[in-house]
Amino acid sequence: MFILLKDKNILVTGATGLVGSELIRRLSQLGYRVNALFHQSKPIDLPNVTWNSCDILDVIELEDIMQNIDIVFHCAALVSFDPSKAKTIHQLNVTGTANVVNAAVDAHVKTFIHVSSVAAIGSLVDGNILENEKWDPKAGHNAYAKSKRAAEFEVLRGQAEGLKVHIVNPTIILGNGDWNKGSSELFKKVYNGFPYYTEGVHGFVDVADVVNVMISLMKTDTKSGERYILNGANISYKKLFDLIADKFGVARPNKKVSNWQAAIIWRLAYIKAKLTGTHAMLTKETAHTAQAIITYNNHKILEALPDFQFQPIEQSIERICGEFRQKYQLKA
């Protein structure tokens, strides 16, 4: 059952990030009133969107902004697999989420939709992953995975204190973000002639699909406290890179990387990052993931939202590459 919510006040944290920016654009198009939080990145002007500069670690600021809010979309997070950033990851992803939840509870917010990650589900072994996978504390989870799992517990605590909550667990999100960081950097690497690929398999999802699911969960009377894997397709990194290369009209990666080669490459990338003061796209964790065969089951969200379907991955790649062409004025 759909619920009419145009008269409700919506708050979006992390509104300049990959998911948050797509979400506020979509909410604006649909005519919703949105309060959007940003911390560092410069926001864009959109109809019906009010921008607020806010650090989610600042409890006083959050409490003030949360007044009269009905619905919260919590998109703010630090996505990093750099072990040296473990403390910062925990602060932003766990303490920050706790602060947002506390402010929402105190302000009597009705609905809280949290962007988690499949990393919070936690299996590092090959296999088809479901929402109810058992977390193995001995499996060697990285700081990011631990933080996203802990953040989910904060959200569920909010449910116990009166919030209606929904948790979405996207796989690797593909979208027109800053292609100097995150998953969007994959597009830049391929466009610039990155020659390497692995035989690993992972789940990928269009940011537009993530946003559409979140808005649908807001509008439907679905059960509180559930988590949903959002996965558009389980494909190999080789296929993903080939699709991107074809849409950009550049050469496909043609050098297969073995396990031992990946182990060397991530170490070299780490050393280079330390010497240059830059971030390493390839870390021990990402190198492991790139070699593993991990698939994700999306049946639960499709059952909860029977009118929703994920876009074909080929269609998503074509659109995103086109957006990057326009954004960075890339050669055809």
C-alpha atoms as a PDB file:
ATOM      1  CA  MET A   1       0.000   0.000   0.000  1.00  0.00           C
ATOM      2  CA  PHE A   2       1.374   3.407  -1.029  1.00  0.00           C
ATOM      3  CA  ILE A   3       1.296   6.296   1.439  1.00  0.00           C
ATOM      4  CA  LEU A   4       0.940   9.954   0.373  1.00  0.00           C
ATOM      5  CA  LEU A   5       3.861  11.914   1.859  1.00  0.00           C
ATOM      6  CA  LYS A   6       4.213  15.133  -0.148  1.00  0.00           C
ATOM      7  CA  ASP A   7       3.376  17.175   2.972  1.00  0.00           C
ATOM      8  CA  LYS A   8       6.148  15.542   5.014  1.00  0.00           C
ATOM      9  CA  ASN A   9       9.564  17.038   5.795  1.00  0.00           C
ATOM     10  CA  ILE A  10      12.479  14.887   4.652  1.00  0.00           C
ATOM     11  CA  LEU A  11      16.092  15.018   5.860  1.00  0.00           C
ATOM     12  CA  VAL A  12      18.935  13.526   3.801  1.00  0.00           C
ATOM     13  CA  THR A  13      22.396  13.127   5.330  1.00  0.00           C
ATOM     14  CA  GLY A  14      25.412  12.807   3.054  1.00  0.00           C
ATOM     15  CA  ALA A  15      23.452  14.627   0.364  1.00  0.00           C
ATOM     16  CA  THR A  16      26.495  15.407  -1.801  1.00  0.00           C
ATOM     17  CA  GLY A  17      27.690  11.797  -1.986  1.00  0.00           C
ATOM     18  CA  LEU A  18      26.961   9.290  -4.746  1.00  0.00           C
ATOM     19  CA  VAL A  19      23.682   8.016  -3.273  1.00  0.00           C
ATOM     20  CA  GLY A  20      22.667  11.197  -1.473  1.00  0.00           C
ATOM     21  CA  SER A  21      23.032  13.469  -4.498  1.00  0.00           C
ATOM     22  CA  GLU A  22      21.006  11.114  -6.693  1.00  0.00           C
ATOM     23  CA  LEU A  23      18.378  10.824  -3.960  1.00  0.00           C
ATOM     24  CA  ILE A  24      17.816  14.550  -3.493  1.00  0.00           C
ATOM     25  CA  ARG A  25      17.596  15.072  -7.260  1.00  0.00           C
ATOM     26  CA  ARG A  26      14.918  12.414  -7.481  1.00  0.00           C
ATOM     27  CA  LEU A  27      13.005  13.673  -4.436  1.00  0.00           C
ATOM     28  CA  SER A  28      13.149  17.204  -5.845  1.00  0.00           C
ATOM     29  CA  GLN A  29      11.772  16.009  -9.179  1.00  0.00           C
ATOM     30  CA  LEU A  30       8.911  14.288  -7.358  1.00  0.00           C
ATOM     31  CA  GLY A  31       8.017  17.473  -5.482  1.00  0.00           C
ATOM     32  CA  TYR A  32       9.078  16.505  -1.950  1.00  0.00           C
ATOM     33  CA  ARG A  33      10.378  19.056   0.572  1.00  0.00           C
ATOM     34  CA  VAL A  34      13.958  18.114   1.385  1.00  0.00           C
ATOM     35  CA  ASN A  35      16.440  19.288   3.999  1.00  0.00           C
ATOM     36  CA  ALA A  36      19.835  18.213   2.681  1.00  0.00           C
ATOM     37  CA  LEU A  37      22.956  17.998   4.829  1.00  0.00           C
ATOM     38  CA  PHE A  38      26.446  18.578   3.496  1.00  0.00           C
ATOM     39  CA  HIS A  39      29.811  18.817   5.232  1.00  0.00           C
ATOM     40  CA  GLN A  40      32.533  19.695   2.724  1.00  0.00           C
ATOM     41  CA  SER A  41      31.416  19.289  -0.885  1.00  0.00           C
ATOM     42  CA  LYS A  42      29.706  22.261  -2.530  1.00  0.00           C
ATOM     43  CA  PRO A  43      25.953  21.612  -2.961  1.00  0.00           C
ATOM     44  CA  ILE A  44      23.890  22.216  -6.092  1.00  0.00           C
ATOM     45  CA  ASP A  45      20.704  24.289  -6.187  1.00  0.00           C
ATOM     46  CA  LEU A  46      17.532  22.244  -6.640  1.00  0.00           C
ATOM     47  CA  PRO A  47      13.829  23.088  -6.329  1.00  0.00           C
ATOM     48  CA  ASN A  48      12.310  22.234  -2.910  1.00  0.00           C
ATOM     49  CA  VAL A  49      15.770  21.514  -1.430  1.00  0.00           C
ATOM     50  CA  THR A  50      17.107  23.450   1.573  1.00  0.00           C
ATOM     51  CA  TRP A  51      20.814  22.970   2.258  1.00  0.00           C
ATOM     52  CA  ASN A  52      22.306  22.828   5.752  1.00  0.00           C
ATOM     53  CA  SER A  53      26.008  22.627   6.542  1.00  0.00           C
ATOM     54  CA  CYS A  54      26.286  20.015   9.271  1.00  0.00           C
ATOM     55  CA  ASP A  55      28.834  17.589  10.674  1.00  0.00           C
ATOM     56  CA  ILE A  56      27.023  14.469  11.884  1.00  0.00           C
ATOM     57  CA  LEU A  57      29.548  14.283  14.720  1.00  0.00           C
ATOM     58  CA  ASP A  58      28.147  17.582  16.029  1.00  0.00           C
ATOM     59  CA  VAL A  59      25.247  16.532  18.251  1.00  0.00           C
ATOM     60  CA  ILE A  60      23.962  20.061  18.873  1.00  0.00           C
ATOM     61  CA  GLU A  61      23.757  20.882  15.157  1.00  0.00           C
ATOM     62  CA  LEU A  62      21.967  17.622  14.431  1.00  0.00           C
ATOM     63  CA  GLU A  63      19.386  18.143  17.148  1.00  0.00           C
ATOM     64  CA  ASP A  64      18.560  21.622  15.830  1.00  0.00           C
ATOM     65  CA  ILE A  65      18.243  20.503  12.195  1.00  0.00           C
ATOM     66  CA  MET A  66      16.181  17.415  13.096  1.00  0.00           C
ATOM     67  CA  GLN A  67      13.292  19.454  14.503  1.00  0.00           C
ATOM     68  CA  ASN A  68      10.023  19.011  12.551  1.00  0.00           C
ATOM     69  CA  ILE A  69      11.524  16.251  10.363  1.00  0.00           C
ATOM     70  CA  ASP A  70       9.248  13.312   9.535  1.00  0.00           C
ATOM     71  CA  ILE A  71      11.507  11.075   7.425  1.00  0.00           C
ATOM     72  CA  VAL A  72      15.289  10.583   7.504  1.00  0.00           C
ATOM     73  CA  PHE A  73      17.420   9.085   4.753  1.00  0.00           C
ATOM     74  CA  HIS A  74      20.821   8.412   6.309  1.00  0.00           C
ATOM     75  CA  CYS A  75      23.302   8.268   3.423  1.00  0.00           C
ATOM     76  CA  ALA A  76      26.370   9.807   5.088  1.00  0.00           C
ATOM     77  CA  ALA A  77      29.297   7.412   5.453  1.00  0.00           C
ATOM     78  CA  LEU A  78      32.999   7.056   4.801  1.00  0.00           C
ATOM     79  CA  VAL A  79      33.723   4.292   2.312  1.00  0.00           C
ATOM     80  CA  SER A  80      37.361   3.323   2.723  1.00  0.00           C
ATOM     81  CA  PHE A  81      39.365   0.122   2.904  1.00  0.00           C
ATOM     82  CA  ASP A  82      42.525   1.851   4.127  1.00  0.00           C
ATOM     83  CA  PRO A  83      43.516   0.254   7.471  1.00  0.00           C
ATOM     84  CA  SER A  84      45.167   3.500   8.581  1.00  0.00           C
ATOM     85  CA  LYS A  85      41.754   5.212   8.540  1.00  0.00           C
ATOM     86  CA  ALA A  86      40.072   2.703  10.858  1.00  0.00           C
ATOM     87  CA  LYS A  87      39.504   5.240  13.650  1.00  0.00           C
ATOM     88  CA  THR A  88      37.982   7.833  11.306  1.00  0.00           C
ATOM     89  CA  ILE A  89      35.826   5.169   9.638  1.00  0.00           C
ATOM     90  CA  HIS A  90      34.423   4.152  13.027  1.00  0.00           C
ATOM     91  CA  GLN A  91      33.789   7.743  14.077  1.00  0.00           C
ATOM     92  CA  LEU A  92      31.862   8.691  10.960  1.00  0.00           C
ATOM     93  CA  ASN A  93      30.047   5.425  10.292  1.00  0.00           C
ATOM     94  CA  VAL A  94      29.233   4.301  13.826  1.00  0.00           C
ATOM     95  CA  THR A  95      29.330   7.350  16.094  1.00  0.00           C
ATOM     96  CA  GLY A  96      27.874   9.494  13.308  1.00  0.00           C
ATOM     97  CA  THR A  97      25.007   7.049  12.775  1.00  0.00           C
ATOM     98  CA  ALA A  98      24.358   6.865  16.523  1.00  0.00           C
ATOM     99  CA  ASN A  99      24.135  10.658  16.619  1.00  0.00           C
ATOM    100  CA  VAL A 100      21.666  10.783  13.715  1.00  0.00           C
ATOM    101  CA  VAL A 101      19.548   8.026  15.283  1.00  0.00           C
ATOM    102  CA  ASN A 102      19.522   9.746  18.676  1.00  0.00           C
ATOM    103  CA  ALA A 103      18.483  13.058  17.150  1.00  0.00           C
ATOM    104  CA  ALA A 104      15.755  11.319  15.137  1.00  0.00           C
ATOM    105  CA  VAL A 105      14.374   9.548  18.211  1.00  0.00           C
ATOM    106  CA  ASP A 106      14.377  12.769  20.255  1.00  0.00           C
ATOM    107  CA  ALA A 107      12.596  14.632  17.432  1.00  0.00           C
ATOM    108  CA  HIS A 108       9.951  11.875  17.083  1.00  0.00           C
ATOM    109  CA  VAL A 109      10.865  11.151  13.463  1.00  0.00           C
ATOM    110  CA  LYS A 110       8.474   8.623  11.942  1.00  0.00           C
ATOM    111  CA  THR A 111      10.629   6.770   9.378  1.00  0.00           C
ATOM    112  CA  PHE A 112      14.391   6.190   9.185  1.00  0.00           C
ATOM    113  CA  ILE A 113      15.921   4.676   6.042  1.00  0.00           C
ATOM    114  CA  HIS A 114      19.562   3.687   6.404  1.00  0.00           C
ATOM    115  CA  VAL A 115      22.065   3.061   3.624  1.00  0.00           C
ATOM    116  CA  SER A 116      24.238   0.190   4.799  1.00  0.00           C
ATOM    117  CA  SER A 117      26.300  -2.156   2.608  1.00  0.00           C
ATOM    118  CA  VAL A 118      26.602  -5.825   1.754  1.00  0.00           C
ATOM    119  CA  ALA A 119      29.892  -5.540   3.645  1.00  0.00           C
ATOM    120  CA  ALA A 120      27.794  -5.508   6.826  1.00  0.00           C
ATOM    121  CA  ILE A 121      26.403  -8.934   5.953  1.00  0.00           C
ATOM    122  CA  GLY A 122      29.921 -10.070   6.060  1.00  0.00           C
ATOM    123  CA  SER A 123      30.648 -13.327   4.239  1.00  0.00           C
ATOM    124  CA  LEU A 124      34.125 -13.402   2.747  1.00  0.00           C
ATOM    125  CA  VAL A 125      33.815 -16.881   1.291  1.00  0.00           C
ATOM    126  CA  ASP A 126      32.651 -17.766  -2.191  1.00  0.00           C
ATOM    127  CA  GLY A 127      28.906 -18.212  -2.382  1.00  0.00           C
ATOM    128  CA  ASN A 128      25.450 -16.712  -2.861  1.00  0.00           C
ATOM    129  CA  ILE A 129      24.799 -14.265  -0.036  1.00  0.00           C
ATOM    130  CA  LEU A 130      21.410 -13.624   1.594  1.00  0.00           C
ATOM    131  CA  GLU A 131      20.303 -10.991   4.121  1.00  0.00           C
ATOM    132  CA  ASN A 132      20.359 -13.489   6.997  1.00  0.00           C
ATOM    133  CA  GLU A 133      23.940 -14.686   6.538  1.00  0.00           C
ATOM    134  CA  LYS A 134      25.633 -15.440   9.839  1.00  0.00           C
ATOM    135  CA  TRP A 135      28.376 -12.963  10.710  1.00  0.00           C
ATOM    136  CA  ASP A 136      31.644 -14.735  11.459  1.00  0.00           C
ATOM    137  CA  PRO A 137      33.739 -12.555  13.797  1.00  0.00           C
ATOM    138  CA  LYS A 138      36.804 -14.648  12.950  1.00  0.00           C
ATOM    139  CA  ALA A 139      36.527 -14.065   9.198  1.00  0.00           C
ATOM    140  CA  GLY A 140      38.923 -11.115   9.131  1.00  0.00           C
ATOM    141  CA  HIS A 141      36.463  -8.342   8.295  1.00  0.00           C
ATOM    142  CA  ASN A 142      37.952  -4.962   7.460  1.00  0.00           C
ATOM    143  CA  ALA A 143      37.261  -1.768   9.413  1.00  0.00           C
ATOM    144  CA  TYR A 144      34.658  -0.579   6.919  1.00  0.00           C
ATOM    145  CA  ALA A 145      32.626  -3.808   7.148  1.00  0.00           C
ATOM    146  CA  LYS A 146      32.766  -3.752  10.945  1.00  0.00           C
ATOM    147  CA  SER A 147      31.663  -0.126  11.010  1.00  0.00           C
ATOM    148  CA  LYS A 148      28.677  -0.697   8.724  1.00  0.00           C
ATOM    149  CA  ARG A 149      27.552  -3.675  10.793  1.00  0.00           C
ATOM    150  CA  ALA A 150      27.867  -1.671  14.007  1.00  0.00           C
ATOM    151  CA  ALA A 151      25.942   1.173  12.374  1.00  0.00           C
ATOM    152  CA  GLU A 152      23.075  -1.220  11.628  1.00  0.00           C
ATOM    153  CA  PHE A 153      22.869  -2.068  15.324  1.00  0.00           C
ATOM    154  CA  GLU A 154      22.538   1.649  16.087  1.00  0.00           C
ATOM    155  CA  VAL A 155      19.661   1.874  13.603  1.00  0.00           C
ATOM    156  CA  LEU A 156      17.954  -1.175  15.112  1.00  0.00           C
ATOM    157  CA  ARG A 157      18.358   0.416  18.532  1.00  0.00           C
ATOM    158  CA  GLY A 158      16.471   3.362  17.083  1.00  0.00           C
ATOM    159  CA  GLN A 159      13.699   0.986  16.078  1.00  0.00           C
ATOM    160  CA  ALA A 160      13.461  -0.252  19.655  1.00  0.00           C
ATOM    161  CA  GLU A 161      13.120   3.392  20.706  1.00  0.00           C
ATOM    162  CA  GLY A 162      10.225   4.103  18.346  1.00  0.00           C
ATOM    163  CA  LEU A 163      11.547   4.633  14.822  1.00  0.00           C
ATOM    164  CA  LYS A 164      10.199   2.769  11.815  1.00  0.00           C
ATOM    165  CA  VAL A 165      13.399   1.677  10.081  1.00  0.00           C
ATOM    166  CA  HIS A 166      14.434   0.160   6.776  1.00  0.00           C
ATOM    167  CA  ILE A 167      18.001  -0.891   5.967  1.00  0.00           C
ATOM    168  CA  VAL A 168      19.282  -1.228   2.413  1.00  0.00           C
ATOM    169  CA  ASN A 169      22.473  -3.161   1.692  1.00  0.00           C
ATOM    170  CA  PRO A 170      23.704  -2.257  -1.794  1.00  0.00           C
ATOM    171  CA  THR A 171      26.428  -4.169  -3.556  1.00  0.00           C
ATOM    172  CA  ILE A 172      29.028  -2.084  -5.442  1.00  0.00           C
ATOM    173  CA  ILE A 173      27.136   1.048  -6.493  1.00  0.00           C
ATOM    174  CA  LEU A 174      27.653   2.328 -10.027  1.00  0.00           C
ATOM    175  CA  GLY A 175      26.849   5.937 -10.814  1.00  0.00           C
ATOM    176  CA  ASN A 176      27.948   9.325 -12.031  1.00  0.00           C
ATOM    177  CA  GLY A 177      29.902  10.385  -8.952  1.00  0.00           C
ATOM    178  CA  ASP A 178      33.350  11.872  -8.479  1.00  0.00           C
ATOM    179  CA  TRP A 179      35.424   9.557 -10.618  1.00  0.00           C
ATOM    180  CA  ASN A 180      38.543  10.273  -8.603  1.00  0.00           C
ATOM    181  CA  LYS A 181      37.285   8.137  -5.728  1.00  0.00           C
ATOM    182  CA  GLY A 182      35.089   5.230  -4.800  1.00  0.00           C
ATOM    183  CA  SER A 183      33.425   2.902  -7.265  1.00  0.00           C
ATOM    184  CA  SER A 184      33.188   5.709  -9.834  1.00  0.00           C
ATOM    185  CA  GLU A 185      36.977   5.544 -10.142  1.00  0.00           C
ATOM    186  CA  LEU A 186      36.538   2.234 -11.984  1.00  0.00           C
ATOM    187  CA  PHE A 187      35.148   4.189 -14.940  1.00  0.00           C
ATOM    188  CA  LYS A 188      38.116   6.556 -14.943  1.00  0.00           C
ATOM    189  CA  LYS A 189      40.609   3.686 -14.803  1.00  0.00           C
ATOM    190  CA  VAL A 190      39.040   1.901 -17.765  1.00  0.00           C
ATOM    191  CA  TYR A 191      38.698   5.117 -19.780  1.00  0.00           C
ATOM    192  CA  ASN A 192      42.395   5.836 -19.224  1.00  0.00           C
ATOM    193  CA  GLY A 193      43.407   2.423 -20.549  1.00  0.00           C
ATOM    194  CA  PHE A 194      43.749   0.350 -17.382  1.00  0.00           C
ATOM    195  CA  PRO A 195      44.976  -2.972 -18.835  1.00  0.00           C
ATOM    196  CA  TYR A 196      44.352  -5.416 -15.962  1.00  0.00           C
ATOM    197  CA  TYR A 197      41.408  -7.590 -14.969  1.00  0.00           C
ATOM    198  CA  THR A 198      40.676 -10.423 -12.551  1.00  0.00           C
ATOM    199  CA  GLU A 199      38.350 -13.403 -12.752  1.00  0.00           C
ATOM    200  CA  GLY A 200      36.499 -12.404  -9.604  1.00  0.00           C
ATOM    201  CA  VAL A 201      32.718 -12.011  -9.562  1.00  0.00           C
ATOM    202  CA  HIS A 202      30.769  -9.498  -7.483  1.00  0.00           C
ATOM    203  CA  GLY A 203      27.411  -7.779  -7.315  1.00  0.00           C
ATOM    204  CA  PHE A 204      26.828  -4.366  -8.869  1.00  0.00           C
ATOM    205  CA  VAL A 205      23.841  -2.032  -8.678  1.00  0.00           C
ATOM    206  CA  ASP A 206      22.835   1.200 -10.401  1.00  0.00           C
ATOM    207  CA  VAL A 207      22.628   4.173  -8.025  1.00  0.00           C
ATOM    208  CA  ALA A 208      19.299   5.045  -9.676  1.00  0.00           C
ATOM    209  CA  ASP A 209      17.917   1.666  -8.584  1.00  0.00           C
ATOM    210  CA  VAL A 210      19.186   2.177  -5.031  1.00  0.00           C
ATOM    211  CA  VAL A 211      17.395   5.516  -4.851  1.00  0.00           C
ATOM    212  CA  ASN A 212      14.169   4.184  -6.372  1.00  0.00           C
ATOM    213  CA  VAL A 213      14.065   1.395  -3.789  1.00  0.00           C
ATOM    214  CA  MET A 214      14.651   3.824  -0.930  1.00  0.00           C
ATOM    215  CA  ILE A 215      11.832   6.090  -2.080  1.00  0.00           C
ATOM    216  CA  SER A 216       9.527   3.099  -2.567  1.00  0.00           C
ATOM    217  CA  LEU A 217      10.272   1.871   0.963  1.00  0.00           C
ATOM    218  CA  MET A 218       9.411   5.342   2.226  1.00  0.00           C
ATOM    219  CA  LYS A 219       6.054   5.251   0.441  1.00  0.00           C
ATOM    220  CA  THR A 220       4.973   1.692   1.217  1.00  0.00           C
ATOM    221  CA  ASP A 221       3.780   0.114   4.424  1.00  0.00           C
ATOM    222  CA  THR A 222       6.526  -2.506   4.612  1.00  0.00           C
ATOM    223  CA  LYS A 223       7.664  -4.210   7.800  1.00  0.00           C
ATOM    224  CA  SER A 224      10.021  -2.245  10.019  1.00  0.00           C
ATOM    225  CA  GLY A 225      13.490  -3.519  10.900  1.00  0.00           C
ATOM    226  CA  GLU A 226      14.192  -5.426   7.697  1.00  0.00           C
ATOM    227  CA  ARG A 227      17.404  -5.279   5.676  1.00  0.00           C
ATOM    228  CA  TYR A 228      17.387  -5.640   1.904  1.00  0.00           C
ATOM    229  CA  ILE A 229      20.226  -6.584  -0.424  1.00  0.00           C
ATOM    230  CA  LEU A 230      20.160  -4.302  -3.466  1.00  0.00           C
ATOM    231  CA  ASN A 231      21.922  -6.026  -6.339  1.00  0.00           C
ATOM    232  CA  GLY A 232      21.313  -5.459 -10.024  1.00  0.00           C
ATOM    233  CA  ALA A 233      23.646  -8.122 -11.406  1.00  0.00           C
ATOM    234  CA  ASN A 234      26.311 -10.615 -10.390  1.00  0.00           C
ATOM    235  CA  ILE A 235      29.023 -10.284 -13.032  1.00  0.00           C
ATOM    236  CA  SER A 236      32.769 -10.655 -13.336  1.00  0.00           C
ATOM    237  CA  TYR A 237      35.077  -7.678 -13.124  1.00  0.00           C
ATOM    238  CA  LYS A 238      36.238  -8.628 -16.606  1.00  0.00           C
ATOM    239  CA  LYS A 239      32.711  -8.265 -17.990  1.00  0.00           C
ATOM    240  CA  LEU A 240      32.180  -4.994 -16.127  1.00  0.00           C
ATOM    241  CA  PHE A 241      35.418  -3.526 -17.480  1.00  0.00           C
ATOM    242  CA  ASP A 242      34.611  -4.743 -20.992  1.00  0.00           C
ATOM    243  CA  LEU A 243      31.176  -3.090 -20.864  1.00  0.00           C
ATOM    244  CA  ILE A 244      32.673   0.194 -19.694  1.00  0.00           C
ATOM    245  CA  ALA A 245      35.434   0.059 -22.302  1.00  0.00           C
ATOM    246  CA  ASP A 246      32.965  -0.652 -25.097  1.00  0.00           C
ATOM    247  CA  LYS A 247      30.688   2.227 -24.088  1.00  0.00           C
ATOM    248  CA  PHE A 248      33.652   4.602 -23.889  1.00  0.00           C
ATOM    249  CA  GLY A 249      35.082   3.269 -27.147  1.00  0.00           C
ATOM    250  CA  VAL A 250      38.458   2.378 -25.630  1.00  0.00           C
ATOM    251  CA  ALA A 251      40.492  -0.822 -25.515  1.00  0.00           C
ATOM    252  CA  ARG A 252      39.306  -3.593 -23.218  1.00  0.00           C
ATOM    253  CA  PRO A 253      41.612  -4.681 -20.384  1.00  0.00           C
ATOM    254  CA  ASN A 254      43.572  -7.686 -21.647  1.00  0.00           C
ATOM    255  CA  LYS A 255      46.017  -8.656 -18.887  1.00  0.00           C
ATOM    256  CA  LYS A 256      44.716 -11.194 -16.406  1.00  0.00           C
ATOM    257  CA  VAL A 257      45.950 -10.753 -12.838  1.00  0.00           C
ATOM    258  CA  SER A 258      46.551 -13.894 -10.784  1.00  0.00           C
ATOM    259  CA  ASN A 259      46.330 -14.133  -7.001  1.00  0.00           C
ATOM    260  CA  TRP A 260      50.068 -13.791  -6.478  1.00  0.00           C
ATOM    261  CA  GLN A 261      50.274 -10.869  -8.865  1.00  0.00           C
ATOM    262  CA  ALA A 262      47.418  -9.127  -7.052  1.00  0.00           C
ATOM    263  CA  ALA A 263      49.283  -9.609  -3.763  1.00  0.00           C
ATOM    264  CA  ILE A 264      52.304  -7.830  -5.212  1.00  0.00           C
ATOM    265  CA  ILE A 265      50.294  -5.067  -6.881  1.00  0.00           C
ATOM    266  CA  TRP A 266      48.367  -4.044  -3.758  1.00  0.00           C
ATOM    267  CA  ARG A 267      51.605  -3.839  -1.781  1.00  0.00           C
ATOM    268  CA  LEU A 268      53.185  -1.646  -4.448  1.00  0.00           C
ATOM    269  CA  ALA A 269      50.048   0.512  -4.541  1.00  0.00           C
ATOM    270  CA  TYR A 270      50.236   0.891  -0.766  1.00  0.00           C
ATOM    271  CA  ILE A 271      53.878   1.996  -0.894  1.00  0.00           C
ATOM    272  CA  LYS A 272      53.160   4.453  -3.720  1.00  0.00           C
ATOM    273  CA  ALA A 273      50.241   5.949  -1.805  1.00  0.00           C
ATOM    274  CA  LYS A 274      52.396   6.431   1.289  1.00  0.00           C
ATOM    275  CA  LEU A 275      55.177   8.105  -0.702  1.00  0.00           C
ATOM    276  CA  THR A 276      52.887  10.393  -2.693  1.00  0.00           C
ATOM    277  CA  GLY A 277      50.295  11.137  -0.033  1.00  0.00           C
ATOM    278  CA  THR A 278      47.499   9.851  -2.268  1.00  0.00           C
ATOM    279  CA  HIS A 279      44.955   7.083  -1.694  1.00  0.00           C
ATOM    280  CA  ALA A 280      45.450   3.559  -3.015  1.00  0.00           C
ATOM    281  CA  MET A 281      42.484   2.267  -5.000  1.00  0.00           C
ATOM    282  CA  LEU A 282      43.818  -1.280  -4.578  1.00  0.00           C
ATOM    283  CA  THR A 283      44.276  -2.478  -1.003  1.00  0.00           C
ATOM    284  CA  LYS A 284      44.668  -5.917   0.542  1.00  0.00           C
ATOM    285  CA  GLU A 285      40.894  -6.072   1.020  1.00  0.00           C
ATOM    286  CA  THR A 286      39.939  -4.882  -2.466  1.00  0.00           C
ATOM    287  CA  ALA A 287      42.530  -7.201  -4.025  1.00  0.00           C
ATOM    288  CA  HIS A 288      40.947 -10.140  -2.194  1.00  0.00           C
ATOM    289  CA  THR A 289      37.446  -9.116  -3.255  1.00  0.00           C
ATOM    290  CA  ALA A 290      38.518  -8.718  -6.878  1.00  0.00           C
ATOM    291  CA  GLN A 291      39.655 -12.355  -6.956  1.00  0.00           C
ATOM    292  CA  ALA A 292      36.731 -13.894  -5.055  1.00  0.00           C
ATOM    293  CA  ILE A 293      33.541 -15.244  -6.606  1.00  0.00           C
ATOM    294  CA  ILE A 294      30.750 -13.753  -4.507  1.00  0.00           C
ATOM    295  CA  THR A 295      27.142 -13.482  -5.635  1.00  0.00           C
ATOM    296  CA  TYR A 296      24.216 -11.770  -3.945  1.00  0.00           C
ATOM    297  CA  ASN A 297      20.553 -12.757  -3.854  1.00  0.00           C
ATOM    298  CA  ASN A 298      18.106  -9.877  -4.453  1.00  0.00           C
ATOM    299  CA  HIS A 299      14.844 -11.833  -4.137  1.00  0.00           C
ATOM    300  CA  LYS A 300      13.791 -10.286  -0.823  1.00  0.00           C
ATOM    301  CA  ILE A 301      13.499  -6.714  -2.118  1.00  0.00           C
ATOM    302  CA  LEU A 302      11.747  -7.909  -5.282  1.00  0.00           C
ATOM    303  CA  GLU A 303       9.168  -9.678  -3.132  1.00  0.00           C
ATOM    304  CA  ALA A 304       8.724  -6.618  -0.900  1.00  0.00           C
ATOM    305  CA  LEU A 305       8.340  -4.307  -3.922  1.00  0.00           C
ATOM    306  CA  PRO A 306       6.672  -6.438  -6.629  1.00  0.00           C
ATOM    307  CA  ASP A 307       6.393  -3.488  -9.059  1.00  0.00           C
ATOM    308  CA  PHE A 308      10.135  -2.800  -8.946  1.00  0.00           C
ATOM    309  CA  GLN A 309      12.737  -4.282 -11.280  1.00  0.00           C
ATOM    310  CA  PHE A 310      16.475  -3.652 -11.459  1.00  0.00           C
ATOM    311  CA  GLN A 311      17.739  -2.076 -14.657  1.00  0.00           C
ATOM    312  CA  PRO A 312      19.852  -4.276 -16.961  1.00  0.00           C
ATOM    313  CA  ILE A 313      23.526  -3.694 -16.171  1.00  0.00           C
ATOM    314  CA  GLU A 314      24.288  -2.944 -19.828  1.00  0.00           C
ATOM    315  CA  GLN A 315      21.700  -0.166 -19.834  1.00  0.00           C
ATOM    316  CA  SER A 316      23.099   1.293 -16.626  1.00  0.00           C
ATOM    317  CA  ILE A 317      26.682   1.284 -17.907  1.00  0.00           C
ATOM    318  CA  GLU A 318      25.640   2.981 -21.143  1.00  0.00           C
ATOM    319  CA  ARG A 319      23.826   5.761 -19.272  1.00  0.00           C
ATOM    320  CA  ILE A 320      26.587   6.303 -16.726  1.00  0.00           C
ATOM    321  CA  CYS A 321      29.328   6.431 -19.362  1.00  0.00           C
ATOM    322  CA  GLY A 322      27.262   9.010 -21.229  1.00  0.00           C
ATOM    323  CA  GLU A 323      26.940  11.074 -18.059  1.00  0.00           C
ATOM    324  CA  PHE A 324      30.682  10.909 -17.491  1.00  0.00           C
ATOM    325  CA  ARG A 325      31.321  11.984 -21.093  1.00  0.00           C
ATOM    326  CA  GLN A 326      29.246  15.093 -20.541  1.00  0.00           C
ATOM    327  CA  LYS A 327      30.518  15.783 -17.028  1.00  0.00           C
ATOM    328  CA  TYR A 328      34.221  15.590 -17.879  1.00  0.00           C
ATOM    329  CA  GLN A 329      33.927  16.519 -21.583  1.00  0.00           C
ATOM    330  CA  LEU A 330      35.497  13.237 -22.630  1.00  0.00           C
ATOM    331  CA  LYS A 331      36.462  12.521 -26.205  1.00  0.00           C
ATOM    332  CA  ALA A 332      34.146  10.246 -28.145  1.00  0.00           C
END
